[in-house]
Amino acid sequence: MAKPYNHRRAENEYVKWKQKDEKFMIMNGMPKEKVKIMRDFDRKQFNSNRRYEEKIDFDSEKIISKAQQSEVFSLNDSSSLEDFINSISSIAFAEALKELGFEVQIIVFLMYWYYVKI
């Protein structure tokens, strides 16, 4: 479950990281003008991320995380070609297989079982 966004904690982490980052860049010979450009860029990125994090609706995330899917028939349970075609969740794919004929259905069925058994 996601925690609510804590701006103070994020700001403190950002400041510590940025100080270490700038010290590293200066020690390795990066000009101060470019360090300032990087600082401005990183600040814009941090502010953008902060706005996003503050607007996330944590209540909806709780609801989504608690939602459970109904039991779905697994393709692994299909022992016959008819069961396999009936268990395909994509209606368009199942219809296409039916239109293409028995040979194509067998090929897809055997390809699927070969893939599962490997």
PDB file of N, CA and C in Angstrom:
ATOM      1  N   MET A   1       0.847  -1.175   0.000  1.00  0.00           N
ATOM      2  CA  MET A   1       0.000   0.000   0.000  1.00  0.00           C
ATOM      3  C   MET A   1       0.889   1.233   0.000  1.00  0.00           C
ATOM      4  N   ALA A   2       0.547   2.196  -0.779  1.00  0.00           N
ATOM      5  CA  ALA A   2       1.337   3.416  -0.912  1.00  0.00           C
ATOM      6  C   ALA A   2       1.154   4.313   0.308  1.00  0.00           C
ATOM      7  N   LYS A   3       2.262   4.944   0.688  1.00  0.00           N
ATOM      8  CA  LYS A   3       2.195   5.894   1.795  1.00  0.00           C
ATOM      9  C   LYS A   3       1.872   7.276   1.240  1.00  0.00           C
ATOM     10  N   PRO A   4       1.198   8.105   2.044  1.00  0.00           N
ATOM     11  CA  PRO A   4       0.952   9.468   1.594  1.00  0.00           C
ATOM     12  C   PRO A   4       2.276  10.198   1.387  1.00  0.00           C
ATOM     13  N   TYR A   5       2.279  11.121   0.464  1.00  0.00           N
ATOM     14  CA  TYR A   5       3.487  11.863   0.126  1.00  0.00           C
ATOM     15  C   TYR A   5       3.858  12.811   1.259  1.00  0.00           C
ATOM     16  N   ASN A   6       5.112  12.757   1.696  1.00  0.00           N
ATOM     17  CA  ASN A   6       5.608  13.640   2.741  1.00  0.00           C
ATOM     18  C   ASN A   6       6.594  14.604   2.087  1.00  0.00           C
ATOM     19  N   HIS A   7       6.164  15.853   1.912  1.00  0.00           N
ATOM     20  CA  HIS A   7       6.980  16.828   1.188  1.00  0.00           C
ATOM     21  C   HIS A   7       8.279  17.132   1.925  1.00  0.00           C
ATOM     22  N   ARG A   8       8.224  17.274   3.237  1.00  0.00           N
ATOM     23  CA  ARG A   8       9.430  17.604   4.007  1.00  0.00           C
ATOM     24  C   ARG A   8      10.477  16.500   3.862  1.00  0.00           C
ATOM     25  N   ARG A   9      10.055  15.244   3.992  1.00  0.00           N
ATOM     26  CA  ARG A   9      10.993  14.132   3.859  1.00  0.00           C
ATOM     27  C   ARG A   9      11.597  14.099   2.452  1.00  0.00           C
ATOM     28  N   ALA A  10      10.757  14.275   1.443  1.00  0.00           N
ATOM     29  CA  ALA A  10      11.251  14.262   0.063  1.00  0.00           C
ATOM     30  C   ALA A  10      12.205  15.424  -0.185  1.00  0.00           C
ATOM     31  N   GLU A  11      11.887  16.592   0.349  1.00  0.00           N
ATOM     32  CA  GLU A  11      12.760  17.765   0.183  1.00  0.00           C
ATOM     33  C   GLU A  11      14.112  17.520   0.851  1.00  0.00           C
ATOM     34  N   ASN A  12      14.108  16.968   2.058  1.00  0.00           N
ATOM     35  CA  ASN A  12      15.371  16.689   2.757  1.00  0.00           C
ATOM     36  C   ASN A  12      16.217  15.675   2.000  1.00  0.00           C
ATOM     37  N   GLU A  13      15.585  14.625   1.479  1.00  0.00           N
ATOM     38  CA  GLU A  13      16.310  13.631   0.687  1.00  0.00           C
ATOM     39  C   GLU A  13      16.889  14.260  -0.575  1.00  0.00           C
ATOM     40  N   TYR A  14      16.109  15.120  -1.208  1.00  0.00           N
ATOM     41  CA  TYR A  14      16.571  15.780  -2.429  1.00  0.00           C
ATOM     42  C   TYR A  14      17.781  16.674  -2.137  1.00  0.00           C
ATOM     43  N   VAL A  15      17.698  17.459  -1.056  1.00  0.00           N
ATOM     44  CA  VAL A  15      18.792  18.382  -0.713  1.00  0.00           C
ATOM     45  C   VAL A  15      20.069  17.600  -0.415  1.00  0.00           C
ATOM     46  N   LYS A  16      19.970  16.514   0.355  1.00  0.00           N
ATOM     47  CA  LYS A  16      21.159  15.704   0.661  1.00  0.00           C
ATOM     48  C   LYS A  16      21.755  15.117  -0.613  1.00  0.00           C
ATOM     49  N   TRP A  17      20.891  14.579  -1.463  1.00  0.00           N
ATOM     50  CA  TRP A  17      21.373  13.989  -2.713  1.00  0.00           C
ATOM     51  C   TRP A  17      22.030  15.042  -3.596  1.00  0.00           C
ATOM     52  N   LYS A  18      21.387  16.213  -3.683  1.00  0.00           N
ATOM     53  CA  LYS A  18      21.891  17.255  -4.579  1.00  0.00           C
ATOM     54  C   LYS A  18      23.224  17.802  -4.093  1.00  0.00           C
ATOM     55  N   GLN A  19      23.399  17.956  -2.779  1.00  0.00           N
ATOM     56  CA  GLN A  19      24.681  18.430  -2.254  1.00  0.00           C
ATOM     57  C   GLN A  19      25.795  17.444  -2.579  1.00  0.00           C
ATOM     58  N   LYS A  20      25.514  16.162  -2.391  1.00  0.00           N
ATOM     59  CA  LYS A  20      26.516  15.142  -2.706  1.00  0.00           C
ATOM     60  C   LYS A  20      26.809  15.128  -4.200  1.00  0.00           C
ATOM     61  N   ASP A  21      25.780  15.272  -5.013  1.00  0.00           N
ATOM     62  CA  ASP A  21      25.920  15.272  -6.466  1.00  0.00           C
ATOM     63  C   ASP A  21      26.756  16.460  -6.940  1.00  0.00           C
ATOM     64  N   GLU A  22      26.462  17.645  -6.430  1.00  0.00           N
ATOM     65  CA  GLU A  22      27.201  18.842  -6.832  1.00  0.00           C
ATOM     66  C   GLU A  22      28.654  18.773  -6.379  1.00  0.00           C
ATOM     67  N   LYS A  23      28.896  18.260  -5.186  1.00  0.00           N
ATOM     68  CA  LYS A  23      30.267  18.101  -4.697  1.00  0.00           C
ATOM     69  C   LYS A  23      31.044  17.177  -5.629  1.00  0.00           C
ATOM     70  N   PHE A  24      30.417  16.074  -6.046  1.00  0.00           N
ATOM     71  CA  PHE A  24      31.056  15.129  -6.959  1.00  0.00           C
ATOM     72  C   PHE A  24      31.383  15.790  -8.299  1.00  0.00           C
ATOM     73  N   MET A  25      30.402  16.566  -8.832  1.00  0.00           N
ATOM     74  CA  MET A  25      30.624  17.214 -10.139  1.00  0.00           C
ATOM     75  C   MET A  25      31.757  18.225 -10.064  1.00  0.00           C
ATOM     76  N   ILE A  26      31.819  19.007  -8.990  1.00  0.00           N
ATOM     77  CA  ILE A  26      32.865  20.023  -8.863  1.00  0.00           C
ATOM     78  C   ILE A  26      34.222  19.354  -8.675  1.00  0.00           C
ATOM     79  N   MET A  27      34.283  18.284  -7.868  1.00  0.00           N
ATOM     80  CA  MET A  27      35.553  17.578  -7.655  1.00  0.00           C
ATOM     81  C   MET A  27      36.079  16.980  -8.951  1.00  0.00           C
ATOM     82  N   ASN A  28      35.202  16.645  -9.878  1.00  0.00           N
ATOM     83  CA  ASN A  28      35.625  16.050 -11.140  1.00  0.00           C
ATOM     84  C   ASN A  28      35.763  17.059 -12.265  1.00  0.00           C
ATOM     85  N   GLY A  29      35.791  18.345 -11.923  1.00  0.00           N
ATOM     86  CA  GLY A  29      36.143  19.373 -12.890  1.00  0.00           C
ATOM     87  C   GLY A  29      35.007  19.971 -13.691  1.00  0.00           C
ATOM     88  N   MET A  30      33.781  19.793 -13.300  1.00  0.00           N
ATOM     89  CA  MET A  30      32.673  20.402 -14.031  1.00  0.00           C
ATOM     90  C   MET A  30      32.597  21.886 -13.663  1.00  0.00           C
ATOM     91  N   PRO A  31      32.480  22.773 -14.665  1.00  0.00           N
ATOM     92  CA  PRO A  31      32.400  24.215 -14.380  1.00  0.00           C
ATOM     93  C   PRO A  31      31.150  24.558 -13.559  1.00  0.00           C
ATOM     94  N   LYS A  32      31.277  25.587 -12.726  1.00  0.00           N
ATOM     95  CA  LYS A  32      30.175  25.976 -11.836  1.00  0.00           C
ATOM     96  C   LYS A  32      28.929  26.397 -12.612  1.00  0.00           C
ATOM     97  N   GLU A  33      29.100  26.963 -13.811  1.00  0.00           N
ATOM     98  CA  GLU A  33      27.930  27.350 -14.610  1.00  0.00           C
ATOM     99  C   GLU A  33      27.104  26.118 -14.988  1.00  0.00           C
ATOM    100  N   LYS A  34      27.799  25.051 -15.361  1.00  0.00           N
ATOM    101  CA  LYS A  34      27.092  23.823 -15.739  1.00  0.00           C
ATOM    102  C   LYS A  34      26.479  23.141 -14.521  1.00  0.00           C
ATOM    103  N   VAL A  35      27.140  23.271 -13.379  1.00  0.00           N
ATOM    104  CA  VAL A  35      26.575  22.716 -12.142  1.00  0.00           C
ATOM    105  C   VAL A  35      25.268  23.436 -11.829  1.00  0.00           C
ATOM    106  N   LYS A  36      25.250  24.761 -12.047  1.00  0.00           N
ATOM    107  CA  LYS A  36      24.027  25.532 -11.805  1.00  0.00           C
ATOM    108  C   LYS A  36      22.920  25.113 -12.774  1.00  0.00           C
ATOM    109  N   ILE A  37      23.272  24.874 -14.026  1.00  0.00           N
ATOM    110  CA  ILE A  37      22.290  24.414 -15.007  1.00  0.00           C
ATOM    111  C   ILE A  37      21.709  23.062 -14.569  1.00  0.00           C
ATOM    112  N   MET A  38      22.563  22.165 -14.105  1.00  0.00           N
ATOM    113  CA  MET A  38      22.098  20.866 -13.607  1.00  0.00           C
ATOM    114  C   MET A  38      21.209  21.040 -12.382  1.00  0.00           C
ATOM    115  N   ARG A  39      21.575  21.967 -11.487  1.00  0.00           N
ATOM    116  CA  ARG A  39      20.773  22.213 -10.290  1.00  0.00           C
ATOM    117  C   ARG A  39      19.376  22.678 -10.673  1.00  0.00           C
ATOM    118  N   ASP A  40      19.311  23.623 -11.624  1.00  0.00           N
ATOM    119  CA  ASP A  40      18.007  24.132 -12.061  1.00  0.00           C
ATOM    120  C   ASP A  40      17.168  23.025 -12.712  1.00  0.00           C
ATOM    121  N   PHE A  41      17.812  22.223 -13.533  1.00  0.00           N
ATOM    122  CA  PHE A  41      17.098  21.119 -14.186  1.00  0.00           C
ATOM    123  C   PHE A  41      16.573  20.122 -13.162  1.00  0.00           C
ATOM    124  N   ASP A  42      17.424  19.724 -12.218  1.00  0.00           N
ATOM    125  CA  ASP A  42      17.009  18.755 -11.201  1.00  0.00           C
ATOM    126  C   ASP A  42      15.900  19.313 -10.323  1.00  0.00           C
ATOM    127  N   ARG A  43      15.935  20.600 -10.027  1.00  0.00           N
ATOM    128  CA  ARG A  43      14.880  21.217  -9.211  1.00  0.00           C
ATOM    129  C   ARG A  43      13.546  21.167  -9.954  1.00  0.00           C
ATOM    130  N   LYS A  44      13.571  21.453 -11.258  1.00  0.00           N
ATOM    131  CA  LYS A  44      12.336  21.382 -12.047  1.00  0.00           C
ATOM    132  C   LYS A  44      11.787  19.953 -12.055  1.00  0.00           C
ATOM    133  N   GLN A  45      12.666  18.982 -12.191  1.00  0.00           N
ATOM    134  CA  GLN A  45      12.237  17.585 -12.183  1.00  0.00           C
ATOM    135  C   GLN A  45      11.653  17.202 -10.826  1.00  0.00           C
ATOM    136  N   PHE A  46      12.306  17.643  -9.755  1.00  0.00           N
ATOM    137  CA  PHE A  46      11.819  17.345  -8.406  1.00  0.00           C
ATOM    138  C   PHE A  46      10.443  17.963  -8.186  1.00  0.00           C
ATOM    139  N   ASN A  47      10.279  19.228  -8.593  1.00  0.00           N
ATOM    140  CA  ASN A  47       8.986  19.897  -8.410  1.00  0.00           C
ATOM    141  C   ASN A  47       7.883  19.223  -9.216  1.00  0.00           C
ATOM    142  N   SER A  48       8.217  18.793 -10.426  1.00  0.00           N
ATOM    143  CA  SER A  48       7.238  18.098 -11.257  1.00  0.00           C
ATOM    144  C   SER A  48       6.808  16.791 -10.589  1.00  0.00           C
ATOM    145  N   ASN A  49       7.777  16.040 -10.104  1.00  0.00           N
ATOM    146  CA  ASN A  49       7.477  14.778  -9.424  1.00  0.00           C
ATOM    147  C   ASN A  49       6.678  15.039  -8.146  1.00  0.00           C
ATOM    148  N   ARG A  50       7.016  16.092  -7.421  1.00  0.00           N
ATOM    149  CA  ARG A  50       6.299  16.433  -6.183  1.00  0.00           C
ATOM    150  C   ARG A  50       4.834  16.720  -6.478  1.00  0.00           C
ATOM    151  N   ARG A  51       4.568  17.502  -7.518  1.00  0.00           N
ATOM    152  CA  ARG A  51       3.176  17.801  -7.872  1.00  0.00           C
ATOM    153  C   ARG A  51       2.412  16.522  -8.205  1.00  0.00           C
ATOM    154  N   TYR A  52       3.058  15.634  -8.927  1.00  0.00           N
ATOM    155  CA  TYR A  52       2.416  14.362  -9.272  1.00  0.00           C
ATOM    156  C   TYR A  52       2.119  13.554  -8.012  1.00  0.00           C
ATOM    157  N   GLU A  53       3.118  13.407  -7.143  1.00  0.00           N
ATOM    158  CA  GLU A  53       2.964  12.600  -5.931  1.00  0.00           C
ATOM    159  C   GLU A  53       1.891  13.166  -5.005  1.00  0.00           C
ATOM    160  N   GLU A  54       1.776  14.483  -4.940  1.00  0.00           N
ATOM    161  CA  GLU A  54       0.786  15.094  -4.058  1.00  0.00           C
ATOM    162  C   GLU A  54      -0.636  14.896  -4.565  1.00  0.00           C
ATOM    163  N   LYS A  55      -0.809  14.708  -5.864  1.00  0.00           N
ATOM    164  CA  LYS A  55      -2.153  14.591  -6.439  1.00  0.00           C
ATOM    165  C   LYS A  55      -2.666  13.162  -6.533  1.00  0.00           C
ATOM    166  N   ILE A  56      -1.819  12.190  -6.215  1.00  0.00           N
ATOM    167  CA  ILE A  56      -2.263  10.798  -6.281  1.00  0.00           C
ATOM    168  C   ILE A  56      -3.359  10.597  -5.240  1.00  0.00           C
ATOM    169  N   ASP A  57      -4.410   9.950  -5.653  1.00  0.00           N
ATOM    170  CA  ASP A  57      -5.517   9.667  -4.751  1.00  0.00           C
ATOM    171  C   ASP A  57      -5.270   8.313  -4.093  1.00  0.00           C
ATOM    172  N   PHE A  58      -4.819   8.342  -2.831  1.00  0.00           N
ATOM    173  CA  PHE A  58      -4.463   7.105  -2.151  1.00  0.00           C
ATOM    174  C   PHE A  58      -5.686   6.271  -1.800  1.00  0.00           C
ATOM    175  N   ASP A  59      -6.845   6.898  -1.641  1.00  0.00           N
ATOM    176  CA  ASP A  59      -8.043   6.126  -1.342  1.00  0.00           C
ATOM    177  C   ASP A  59      -8.406   5.218  -2.510  1.00  0.00           C
ATOM    178  N   SER A  60      -8.290   5.737  -3.725  1.00  0.00           N
ATOM    179  CA  SER A  60      -8.611   4.897  -4.883  1.00  0.00           C
ATOM    180  C   SER A  60      -7.589   3.779  -5.037  1.00  0.00           C
ATOM    181  N   GLU A  61      -6.337   4.032  -4.656  1.00  0.00           N
ATOM    182  CA  GLU A  61      -5.334   2.970  -4.712  1.00  0.00           C
ATOM    183  C   GLU A  61      -5.666   1.856  -3.720  1.00  0.00           C
ATOM    184  N   LYS A  62      -6.185   2.229  -2.544  1.00  0.00           N
ATOM    185  CA  LYS A  62      -6.575   1.215  -1.564  1.00  0.00           C
ATOM    186  C   LYS A  62      -7.701   0.351  -2.119  1.00  0.00           C
ATOM    187  N   ILE A  63      -8.665   0.986  -2.753  1.00  0.00           N
ATOM    188  CA  ILE A  63      -9.799   0.246  -3.319  1.00  0.00           C
ATOM    189  C   ILE A  63      -9.320  -0.701  -4.408  1.00  0.00           C
ATOM    190  N   ILE A  64      -8.456  -0.213  -5.273  1.00  0.00           N
ATOM    191  CA  ILE A  64      -7.949  -1.042  -6.369  1.00  0.00           C
ATOM    192  C   ILE A  64      -7.129  -2.206  -5.836  1.00  0.00           C
ATOM    193  N   SER A  65      -6.308  -1.949  -4.805  1.00  0.00           N
ATOM    194  CA  SER A  65      -5.473  -3.030  -4.276  1.00  0.00           C
ATOM    195  C   SER A  65      -6.300  -4.100  -3.576  1.00  0.00           C
ATOM    196  N   LYS A  66      -7.474  -3.726  -3.045  1.00  0.00           N
ATOM    197  CA  LYS A  66      -8.323  -4.704  -2.361  1.00  0.00           C
ATOM    198  C   LYS A  66      -9.249  -5.449  -3.322  1.00  0.00           C
ATOM    199  N   ALA A  67      -9.414  -4.922  -4.513  1.00  0.00           N
ATOM    200  CA  ALA A  67     -10.309  -5.569  -5.480  1.00  0.00           C
ATOM    201  C   ALA A  67      -9.730  -6.919  -5.881  1.00  0.00           C
ATOM    202  N   GLN A  68     -10.599  -7.882  -5.993  1.00  0.00           N
ATOM    203  CA  GLN A  68     -10.169  -9.216  -6.382  1.00  0.00           C
ATOM    204  C   GLN A  68     -10.848  -9.603  -7.690  1.00  0.00           C
ATOM    205  N   GLN A  69     -10.095 -10.239  -8.522  1.00  0.00           N
ATOM    206  CA  GLN A  69     -10.663 -10.703  -9.774  1.00  0.00           C
ATOM    207  C   GLN A  69     -11.436 -11.986  -9.527  1.00  0.00           C
ATOM    208  N   SER A  70     -12.487 -12.151 -10.299  1.00  0.00           N
ATOM    209  CA  SER A  70     -13.224 -13.404 -10.204  1.00  0.00           C
ATOM    210  C   SER A  70     -12.347 -14.519 -10.763  1.00  0.00           C
ATOM    211  N   GLU A  71     -12.659 -15.725 -10.393  1.00  0.00           N
ATOM    212  CA  GLU A  71     -11.857 -16.853 -10.829  1.00  0.00           C
ATOM    213  C   GLU A  71     -11.976 -17.006 -12.344  1.00  0.00           C
ATOM    214  N   VAL A  72     -10.847 -17.043 -12.999  1.00  0.00           N
ATOM    215  CA  VAL A  72     -10.811 -17.133 -14.448  1.00  0.00           C
ATOM    216  C   VAL A  72     -10.391 -18.544 -14.839  1.00  0.00           C
ATOM    217  N   PHE A  73     -11.078 -19.071 -15.823  1.00  0.00           N
ATOM    218  CA  PHE A  73     -10.723 -20.395 -16.335  1.00  0.00           C
ATOM    219  C   PHE A  73      -9.332 -20.322 -16.942  1.00  0.00           C
ATOM    220  N   SER A  74      -8.453 -21.161 -16.507  1.00  0.00           N
ATOM    221  CA  SER A  74      -7.076 -21.147 -16.973  1.00  0.00           C
ATOM    222  C   SER A  74      -6.956 -21.948 -18.270  1.00  0.00           C
ATOM    223  N   LEU A  75      -6.099 -21.446 -19.158  1.00  0.00           N
ATOM    224  CA  LEU A  75      -5.862 -22.175 -20.403  1.00  0.00           C
ATOM    225  C   LEU A  75      -5.164 -23.500 -20.129  1.00  0.00           C
ATOM    226  N   ASN A  76      -4.452 -23.586 -18.999  1.00  0.00           N
ATOM    227  CA  ASN A  76      -3.748 -24.821 -18.671  1.00  0.00           C
ATOM    228  C   ASN A  76      -4.705 -25.967 -18.386  1.00  0.00           C
ATOM    229  N   ASP A  77      -5.947 -25.643 -18.016  1.00  0.00           N
ATOM    230  CA  ASP A  77      -6.919 -26.676 -17.692  1.00  0.00           C
ATOM    231  C   ASP A  77      -7.544 -27.301 -18.936  1.00  0.00           C
ATOM    232  N   SER A  78      -7.322 -26.705 -20.089  1.00  0.00           N
ATOM    233  CA  SER A  78      -7.988 -27.208 -21.295  1.00  0.00           C
ATOM    234  C   SER A  78      -7.285 -28.468 -21.782  1.00  0.00           C
ATOM    235  N   SER A  79      -8.072 -29.517 -21.910  1.00  0.00           N
ATOM    236  CA  SER A  79      -7.507 -30.779 -22.370  1.00  0.00           C
ATOM    237  C   SER A  79      -7.939 -31.105 -23.793  1.00  0.00           C
ATOM    238  N   SER A  80      -8.878 -30.323 -24.315  1.00  0.00           N
ATOM    239  CA  SER A  80      -9.311 -30.563 -25.682  1.00  0.00           C
ATOM    240  C   SER A  80      -9.270 -29.249 -26.454  1.00  0.00           C
ATOM    241  N   LEU A  81      -9.337 -29.372 -27.745  1.00  0.00           N
ATOM    242  CA  LEU A  81      -9.301 -28.191 -28.605  1.00  0.00           C
ATOM    243  C   LEU A  81     -10.488 -27.271 -28.328  1.00  0.00           C
ATOM    244  N   GLU A  82     -11.653 -27.846 -28.118  1.00  0.00           N
ATOM    245  CA  GLU A  82     -12.851 -27.049 -27.871  1.00  0.00           C
ATOM    246  C   GLU A  82     -12.724 -26.277 -26.548  1.00  0.00           C
ATOM    247  N   ASP A  83     -12.222 -26.939 -25.509  1.00  0.00           N
ATOM    248  CA  ASP A  83     -12.005 -26.256 -24.227  1.00  0.00           C
ATOM    249  C   ASP A  83     -11.003 -25.113 -24.393  1.00  0.00           C
ATOM    250  N   PHE A  84      -9.962 -25.366 -25.164  1.00  0.00           N
ATOM    251  CA  PHE A  84      -8.937 -24.340 -25.392  1.00  0.00           C
ATOM    252  C   PHE A  84      -9.542 -23.118 -26.061  1.00  0.00           C
ATOM    253  N   ILE A  85     -10.303 -23.301 -27.117  1.00  0.00           N
ATOM    254  CA  ILE A  85     -10.898 -22.169 -27.829  1.00  0.00           C
ATOM    255  C   ILE A  85     -11.902 -21.439 -26.942  1.00  0.00           C
ATOM    256  N   ASN A  86     -12.676 -22.175 -26.161  1.00  0.00           N
ATOM    257  CA  ASN A  86     -13.644 -21.542 -25.264  1.00  0.00           C
ATOM    258  C   ASN A  86     -12.985 -20.791 -24.115  1.00  0.00           C
ATOM    259  N   SER A  87     -11.747 -21.140 -23.790  1.00  0.00           N
ATOM    260  CA  SER A  87     -11.068 -20.483 -22.674  1.00  0.00           C
ATOM    261  C   SER A  87     -10.275 -19.252 -23.094  1.00  0.00           C
ATOM    262  N   ILE A  88     -10.189 -18.971 -24.386  1.00  0.00           N
ATOM    263  CA  ILE A  88      -9.470 -17.796 -24.855  1.00  0.00           C
ATOM    264  C   ILE A  88     -10.254 -16.550 -24.461  1.00  0.00           C
ATOM    265  N   SER A  89      -9.578 -15.605 -23.802  1.00  0.00           N
ATOM    266  CA  SER A  89     -10.267 -14.414 -23.291  1.00  0.00           C
ATOM    267  C   SER A  89     -10.529 -13.376 -24.379  1.00  0.00           C
ATOM    268  N   SER A  90      -9.757 -13.390 -25.445  1.00  0.00           N
ATOM    269  CA  SER A  90      -9.957 -12.440 -26.533  1.00  0.00           C
ATOM    270  C   SER A  90     -11.015 -12.994 -27.493  1.00  0.00           C
ATOM    271  N   ILE A  91     -12.145 -12.339 -27.522  1.00  0.00           N
ATOM    272  CA  ILE A  91     -13.247 -12.792 -28.381  1.00  0.00           C
ATOM    273  C   ILE A  91     -12.834 -12.730 -29.848  1.00  0.00           C
ATOM    274  N   ALA A  92     -12.132 -11.677 -30.227  1.00  0.00           N
ATOM    275  CA  ALA A  92     -11.721 -11.521 -31.621  1.00  0.00           C
ATOM    276  C   ALA A  92     -10.777 -12.646 -32.040  1.00  0.00           C
ATOM    277  N   PHE A  93      -9.848 -13.004 -31.149  1.00  0.00           N
ATOM    278  CA  PHE A  93      -8.912 -14.082 -31.466  1.00  0.00           C
ATOM    279  C   PHE A  93      -9.643 -15.418 -31.588  1.00  0.00           C
ATOM    280  N   ALA A  94     -10.557 -15.680 -30.670  1.00  0.00           N
ATOM    281  CA  ALA A  94     -11.313 -16.933 -30.715  1.00  0.00           C
ATOM    282  C   ALA A  94     -12.144 -17.018 -31.993  1.00  0.00           C
ATOM    283  N   GLU A  95     -12.798 -15.915 -32.374  1.00  0.00           N
ATOM    284  CA  GLU A  95     -13.594 -15.903 -33.608  1.00  0.00           C
ATOM    285  C   GLU A  95     -12.705 -16.102 -34.830  1.00  0.00           C
ATOM    286  N   ALA A  96     -11.531 -15.481 -34.810  1.00  0.00           N
ATOM    287  CA  ALA A  96     -10.611 -15.638 -35.943  1.00  0.00           C
ATOM    288  C   ALA A  96     -10.174 -17.098 -36.071  1.00  0.00           C
ATOM    289  N   LEU A  97      -9.907 -17.739 -34.934  1.00  0.00           N
ATOM    290  CA  LEU A  97      -9.531 -19.158 -34.989  1.00  0.00           C
ATOM    291  C   LEU A  97     -10.657 -20.006 -35.547  1.00  0.00           C
ATOM    292  N   LYS A  98     -11.873 -19.714 -35.162  1.00  0.00           N
ATOM    293  CA  LYS A  98     -13.020 -20.485 -35.662  1.00  0.00           C
ATOM    294  C   LYS A  98     -13.177 -20.310 -37.171  1.00  0.00           C
ATOM    295  N   GLU A  99     -12.930 -19.081 -37.646  1.00  0.00           N
ATOM    296  CA  GLU A  99     -13.067 -18.818 -39.083  1.00  0.00           C
ATOM    297  C   GLU A  99     -11.954 -19.461 -39.895  1.00  0.00           C
ATOM    298  N   LEU A 100     -10.761 -19.548 -39.315  1.00  0.00           N
ATOM    299  CA  LEU A 100      -9.617 -20.062 -40.066  1.00  0.00           C
ATOM    300  C   LEU A 100      -9.655 -21.570 -40.259  1.00  0.00           C
ATOM    301  N   GLY A 101     -10.394 -22.258 -39.446  1.00  0.00           N
ATOM    302  CA  GLY A 101     -10.550 -23.688 -39.677  1.00  0.00           C
ATOM    303  C   GLY A 101      -9.816 -24.556 -38.680  1.00  0.00           C
ATOM    304  N   PHE A 102     -10.127 -25.847 -38.799  1.00  0.00           N
ATOM    305  CA  PHE A 102      -9.646 -26.835 -37.849  1.00  0.00           C
ATOM    306  C   PHE A 102      -8.121 -26.948 -37.825  1.00  0.00           C
ATOM    307  N   GLU A 103      -7.477 -26.900 -38.997  1.00  0.00           N
ATOM    308  CA  GLU A 103      -6.026 -27.088 -39.072  1.00  0.00           C
ATOM    309  C   GLU A 103      -5.296 -25.988 -38.305  1.00  0.00           C
ATOM    310  N   VAL A 104      -5.732 -24.751 -38.502  1.00  0.00           N
ATOM    311  CA  VAL A 104      -5.090 -23.627 -37.817  1.00  0.00           C
ATOM    312  C   VAL A 104      -5.343 -23.720 -36.314  1.00  0.00           C
ATOM    313  N   GLN A 105      -6.542 -24.155 -35.945  1.00  0.00           N
ATOM    314  CA  GLN A 105      -6.860 -24.302 -34.523  1.00  0.00           C
ATOM    315  C   GLN A 105      -5.935 -25.335 -33.879  1.00  0.00           C
ATOM    316  N   ILE A 106      -5.732 -26.438 -34.555  1.00  0.00           N
ATOM    317  CA  ILE A 106      -4.840 -27.485 -34.031  1.00  0.00           C
ATOM    318  C   ILE A 106      -3.415 -26.952 -33.902  1.00  0.00           C
ATOM    319  N   ILE A 107      -2.953 -26.208 -34.915  1.00  0.00           N
ATOM    320  CA  ILE A 107      -1.593 -25.672 -34.880  1.00  0.00           C
ATOM    321  C   ILE A 107      -1.424 -24.745 -33.681  1.00  0.00           C
ATOM    322  N   VAL A 108      -2.379 -23.844 -33.471  1.00  0.00           N
ATOM    323  CA  VAL A 108      -2.293 -22.904 -32.350  1.00  0.00           C
ATOM    324  C   VAL A 108      -2.363 -23.651 -31.027  1.00  0.00           C
ATOM    325  N   PHE A 109      -3.242 -24.634 -30.940  1.00  0.00           N
ATOM    326  CA  PHE A 109      -3.384 -25.433 -29.715  1.00  0.00           C
ATOM    327  C   PHE A 109      -2.084 -26.152 -29.384  1.00  0.00           C
ATOM    328  N   LEU A 110      -1.486 -26.790 -30.377  1.00  0.00           N
ATOM    329  CA  LEU A 110      -0.231 -27.509 -30.145  1.00  0.00           C
ATOM    330  C   LEU A 110       0.923 -26.560 -29.852  1.00  0.00           C
ATOM    331  N   MET A 111       0.938 -25.417 -30.525  1.00  0.00           N
ATOM    332  CA  MET A 111       1.977 -24.417 -30.228  1.00  0.00           C
ATOM    333  C   MET A 111       1.852 -23.942 -28.787  1.00  0.00           C
ATOM    334  N   TYR A 112       0.623 -23.738 -28.337  1.00  0.00           N
ATOM    335  CA  TYR A 112       0.404 -23.295 -26.952  1.00  0.00           C
ATOM    336  C   TYR A 112       0.896 -24.372 -25.972  1.00  0.00           C
ATOM    337  N   TRP A 113       0.537 -25.617 -26.210  1.00  0.00           N
ATOM    338  CA  TRP A 113       0.973 -26.674 -25.298  1.00  0.00           C
ATOM    339  C   TRP A 113       2.474 -26.854 -25.316  1.00  0.00           C
ATOM    340  N   TYR A 114       3.096 -26.694 -26.473  1.00  0.00           N
ATOM    341  CA  TYR A 114       4.552 -26.769 -26.545  1.00  0.00           C
ATOM    342  C   TYR A 114       5.168 -25.645 -25.726  1.00  0.00           C
ATOM    343  N   TYR A 115       4.594 -24.472 -25.819  1.00  0.00           N
ATOM    344  CA  TYR A 115       5.085 -23.310 -25.062  1.00  0.00           C
ATOM    345  C   TYR A 115       4.915 -23.532 -23.562  1.00  0.00           C
ATOM    346  N   VAL A 116       3.790 -24.086 -23.144  1.00  0.00           N
ATOM    347  CA  VAL A 116       3.513 -24.298 -21.720  1.00  0.00           C
ATOM    348  C   VAL A 116       4.421 -25.362 -21.136  1.00  0.00           C
ATOM    349  N   LYS A 117       4.670 -26.417 -21.885  1.00  0.00           N
ATOM    350  CA  LYS A 117       5.422 -27.544 -21.357  1.00  0.00           C
ATOM    351  C   LYS A 117       6.919 -27.271 -21.261  1.00  0.00           C
ATOM    352  N   ILE A 118       7.427 -26.277 -21.950  1.00  0.00           N
ATOM    353  CA  ILE A 118       8.876 -26.016 -21.940  1.00  0.00           C
ATOM    354  C   ILE A 118       9.311 -25.424 -20.669  1.00  0.00           C
TER     355      ILE A 118
END
